[in-house]
Amino acid sequence: MPPADAFRFQARIRPRARSGHVGGTWGPDGVLLVTVDAPAVDGKANLAVIKALADALGVPRRSLTIVGGERSRNKVLELADPPSDFTTRLERLLAN
């Protein structure tokens, strides 16, 4: 169970992309799409996802954790102590 001040959200990952990008949606549920140029080998793509999301959301990397789907393209991420405008930031990324 996540801490009371944590926020969980889903993301769909595309490893080995030509370039990295955070934004847009994937699938009928409108899950956040994250593309990274790192391969899905030895956790390299997971590290790239954390870095890309932290940069895009303007939060520290240490506050983001993959809590589900570590070996899947479908991930559940948890942001500890989200900023007050986090939902606005996330909605902006989903709209891109």
C-alpha atoms as a PDB file:
ATOM      1  CA  MET A   1       0.000   0.000   0.000  1.00  0.00           C
ATOM      2  CA  PRO A   2       1.445   3.396  -0.986  1.00  0.00           C
ATOM      3  CA  PRO A   3       2.171   6.029   1.629  1.00  0.00           C
ATOM      4  CA  ALA A   4      -0.587   8.606   2.127  1.00  0.00           C
ATOM      5  CA  ASP A   5       1.436  11.294   0.378  1.00  0.00           C
ATOM      6  CA  ALA A   6       2.388   9.177  -2.674  1.00  0.00           C
ATOM      7  CA  PHE A   7       0.779   9.212  -6.127  1.00  0.00           C
ATOM      8  CA  ARG A   8       0.678   6.177  -8.424  1.00  0.00           C
ATOM      9  CA  PHE A   9       0.239   6.295 -12.188  1.00  0.00           C
ATOM     10  CA  GLN A  10       0.711   4.014 -15.189  1.00  0.00           C
ATOM     11  CA  ALA A  11       3.029   4.395 -18.154  1.00  0.00           C
ATOM     12  CA  ARG A  12       3.685   2.466 -21.354  1.00  0.00           C
ATOM     13  CA  ILE A  13       7.368   2.232 -22.246  1.00  0.00           C
ATOM     14  CA  ARG A  14       8.971   1.941 -25.682  1.00  0.00           C
ATOM     15  CA  PRO A  15      12.631   0.981 -25.288  1.00  0.00           C
ATOM     16  CA  ARG A  16      15.225   1.328 -28.069  1.00  0.00           C
ATOM     17  CA  ALA A  17      13.450   4.277 -29.641  1.00  0.00           C
ATOM     18  CA  ARG A  18      15.349   6.640 -31.917  1.00  0.00           C
ATOM     19  CA  SER A  19      15.015   9.349 -29.297  1.00  0.00           C
ATOM     20  CA  GLY A  20      13.526   9.784 -25.871  1.00  0.00           C
ATOM     21  CA  HIS A  21      10.186  11.484 -25.338  1.00  0.00           C
ATOM     22  CA  VAL A  22       7.620  11.742 -22.569  1.00  0.00           C
ATOM     23  CA  GLY A  23       4.097  12.596 -23.596  1.00  0.00           C
ATOM     24  CA  GLY A  24       0.990  11.437 -25.316  1.00  0.00           C
ATOM     25  CA  THR A  25      -1.172   8.448 -24.567  1.00  0.00           C
ATOM     26  CA  TRP A  26      -1.230   4.776 -25.436  1.00  0.00           C
ATOM     27  CA  GLY A  27      -4.184   2.414 -25.617  1.00  0.00           C
ATOM     28  CA  PRO A  28      -7.859   2.853 -24.806  1.00  0.00           C
ATOM     29  CA  ASP A  29      -7.125   3.776 -21.175  1.00  0.00           C
ATOM     30  CA  GLY A  30      -4.950   6.743 -22.150  1.00  0.00           C
ATOM     31  CA  VAL A  31      -1.807   5.606 -20.336  1.00  0.00           C
ATOM     32  CA  LEU A  32       1.197   7.977 -20.434  1.00  0.00           C
ATOM     33  CA  LEU A  33       3.647   7.057 -23.202  1.00  0.00           C
ATOM     34  CA  VAL A  34       7.390   7.176 -22.497  1.00  0.00           C
ATOM     35  CA  THR A  35       9.961   6.404 -25.187  1.00  0.00           C
ATOM     36  CA  VAL A  36      13.611   5.898 -24.289  1.00  0.00           C
ATOM     37  CA  ASP A  37      16.634   5.109 -26.420  1.00  0.00           C
ATOM     38  CA  ALA A  38      18.037   2.650 -23.864  1.00  0.00           C
ATOM     39  CA  PRO A  39      17.596  -1.077 -24.502  1.00  0.00           C
ATOM     40  CA  ALA A  40      15.499  -3.233 -22.185  1.00  0.00           C
ATOM     41  CA  VAL A  41      18.598  -5.060 -20.936  1.00  0.00           C
ATOM     42  CA  ASP A  42      19.952  -5.174 -17.374  1.00  0.00           C
ATOM     43  CA  GLY A  43      17.531  -2.487 -16.175  1.00  0.00           C
ATOM     44  CA  LYS A  44      18.921   0.177 -18.517  1.00  0.00           C
ATOM     45  CA  ALA A  45      15.488   1.091 -19.882  1.00  0.00           C
ATOM     46  CA  ASN A  46      14.043   1.332 -16.353  1.00  0.00           C
ATOM     47  CA  LEU A  47      16.774   3.783 -15.333  1.00  0.00           C
ATOM     48  CA  ALA A  48      16.165   5.809 -18.491  1.00  0.00           C
ATOM     49  CA  VAL A  49      12.416   5.874 -17.771  1.00  0.00           C
ATOM     50  CA  ILE A  50      12.976   7.213 -14.249  1.00  0.00           C
ATOM     51  CA  LYS A  51      15.347   9.901 -15.568  1.00  0.00           C
ATOM     52  CA  ALA A  52      13.041  10.931 -18.426  1.00  0.00           C
ATOM     53  CA  LEU A  53       9.945  11.098 -16.226  1.00  0.00           C
ATOM     54  CA  ALA A  54      11.711  12.988 -13.441  1.00  0.00           C
ATOM     55  CA  ASP A  55      12.996  15.562 -15.939  1.00  0.00           C
ATOM     56  CA  ALA A  56       9.622  15.898 -17.678  1.00  0.00           C
ATOM     57  CA  LEU A  57       7.705  16.247 -14.412  1.00  0.00           C
ATOM     58  CA  GLY A  58      10.284  18.461 -12.734  1.00  0.00           C
ATOM     59  CA  VAL A  59      10.723  16.191  -9.705  1.00  0.00           C
ATOM     60  CA  PRO A  60      13.832  14.577  -8.169  1.00  0.00           C
ATOM     61  CA  ARG A  61      14.722  11.132  -9.553  1.00  0.00           C
ATOM     62  CA  ARG A  62      14.882   9.666  -6.061  1.00  0.00           C
ATOM     63  CA  SER A  63      11.171  10.418  -5.573  1.00  0.00           C
ATOM     64  CA  LEU A  64      10.101   8.155  -8.494  1.00  0.00           C
ATOM     65  CA  THR A  65       9.949   4.378  -8.103  1.00  0.00           C
ATOM     66  CA  ILE A  66       8.760   1.585 -10.371  1.00  0.00           C
ATOM     67  CA  VAL A  67       6.375  -0.420  -8.181  1.00  0.00           C
ATOM     68  CA  GLY A  68       4.900  -2.683 -10.842  1.00  0.00           C
ATOM     69  CA  GLY A  69       5.922  -4.097 -14.207  1.00  0.00           C
ATOM     70  CA  GLU A  70       9.660  -3.892 -13.757  1.00  0.00           C
ATOM     71  CA  ARG A  71      10.135  -6.421 -16.581  1.00  0.00           C
ATOM     72  CA  SER A  72       7.179  -5.244 -18.642  1.00  0.00           C
ATOM     73  CA  ARG A  73       6.501  -2.356 -20.995  1.00  0.00           C
ATOM     74  CA  ASN A  74       3.484  -1.520 -18.847  1.00  0.00           C
ATOM     75  CA  LYS A  75       4.713   0.067 -15.631  1.00  0.00           C
ATOM     76  CA  VAL A  76       3.159   1.379 -12.444  1.00  0.00           C
ATOM     77  CA  LEU A  77       5.177   4.233 -10.994  1.00  0.00           C
ATOM     78  CA  GLU A  78       4.951   5.872  -7.626  1.00  0.00           C
ATOM     79  CA  LEU A  79       5.891   9.461  -6.906  1.00  0.00           C
ATOM     80  CA  ALA A  80       6.681  10.094  -3.259  1.00  0.00           C
ATOM     81  CA  ASP A  81       5.665  13.497  -1.920  1.00  0.00           C
ATOM     82  CA  PRO A  82       4.254  14.903  -5.188  1.00  0.00           C
ATOM     83  CA  PRO A  83       4.190  18.671  -5.708  1.00  0.00           C
ATOM     84  CA  SER A  84       0.825  20.378  -5.308  1.00  0.00           C
ATOM     85  CA  ASP A  85       0.491  20.907  -9.079  1.00  0.00           C
ATOM     86  CA  PHE A  86       1.496  17.349 -10.015  1.00  0.00           C
ATOM     87  CA  THR A  87      -1.836  16.423 -11.615  1.00  0.00           C
ATOM     88  CA  THR A  88      -1.589  19.517 -13.825  1.00  0.00           C
ATOM     89  CA  ARG A  89       1.936  18.523 -14.890  1.00  0.00           C
ATOM     90  CA  LEU A  90       0.803  14.966 -15.643  1.00  0.00           C
ATOM     91  CA  GLU A  91      -2.233  16.142 -17.616  1.00  0.00           C
ATOM     92  CA  ARG A  92       0.021  18.420 -19.691  1.00  0.00           C
ATOM     93  CA  LEU A  93       2.221  15.434 -20.590  1.00  0.00           C
ATOM     94  CA  LEU A  94      -0.783  13.281 -21.444  1.00  0.00           C
ATOM     95  CA  ALA A  95      -2.025  16.014 -23.817  1.00  0.00           C
ATOM     96  CA  ASN A  96       1.286  16.136 -25.762  1.00  0.00           C
END
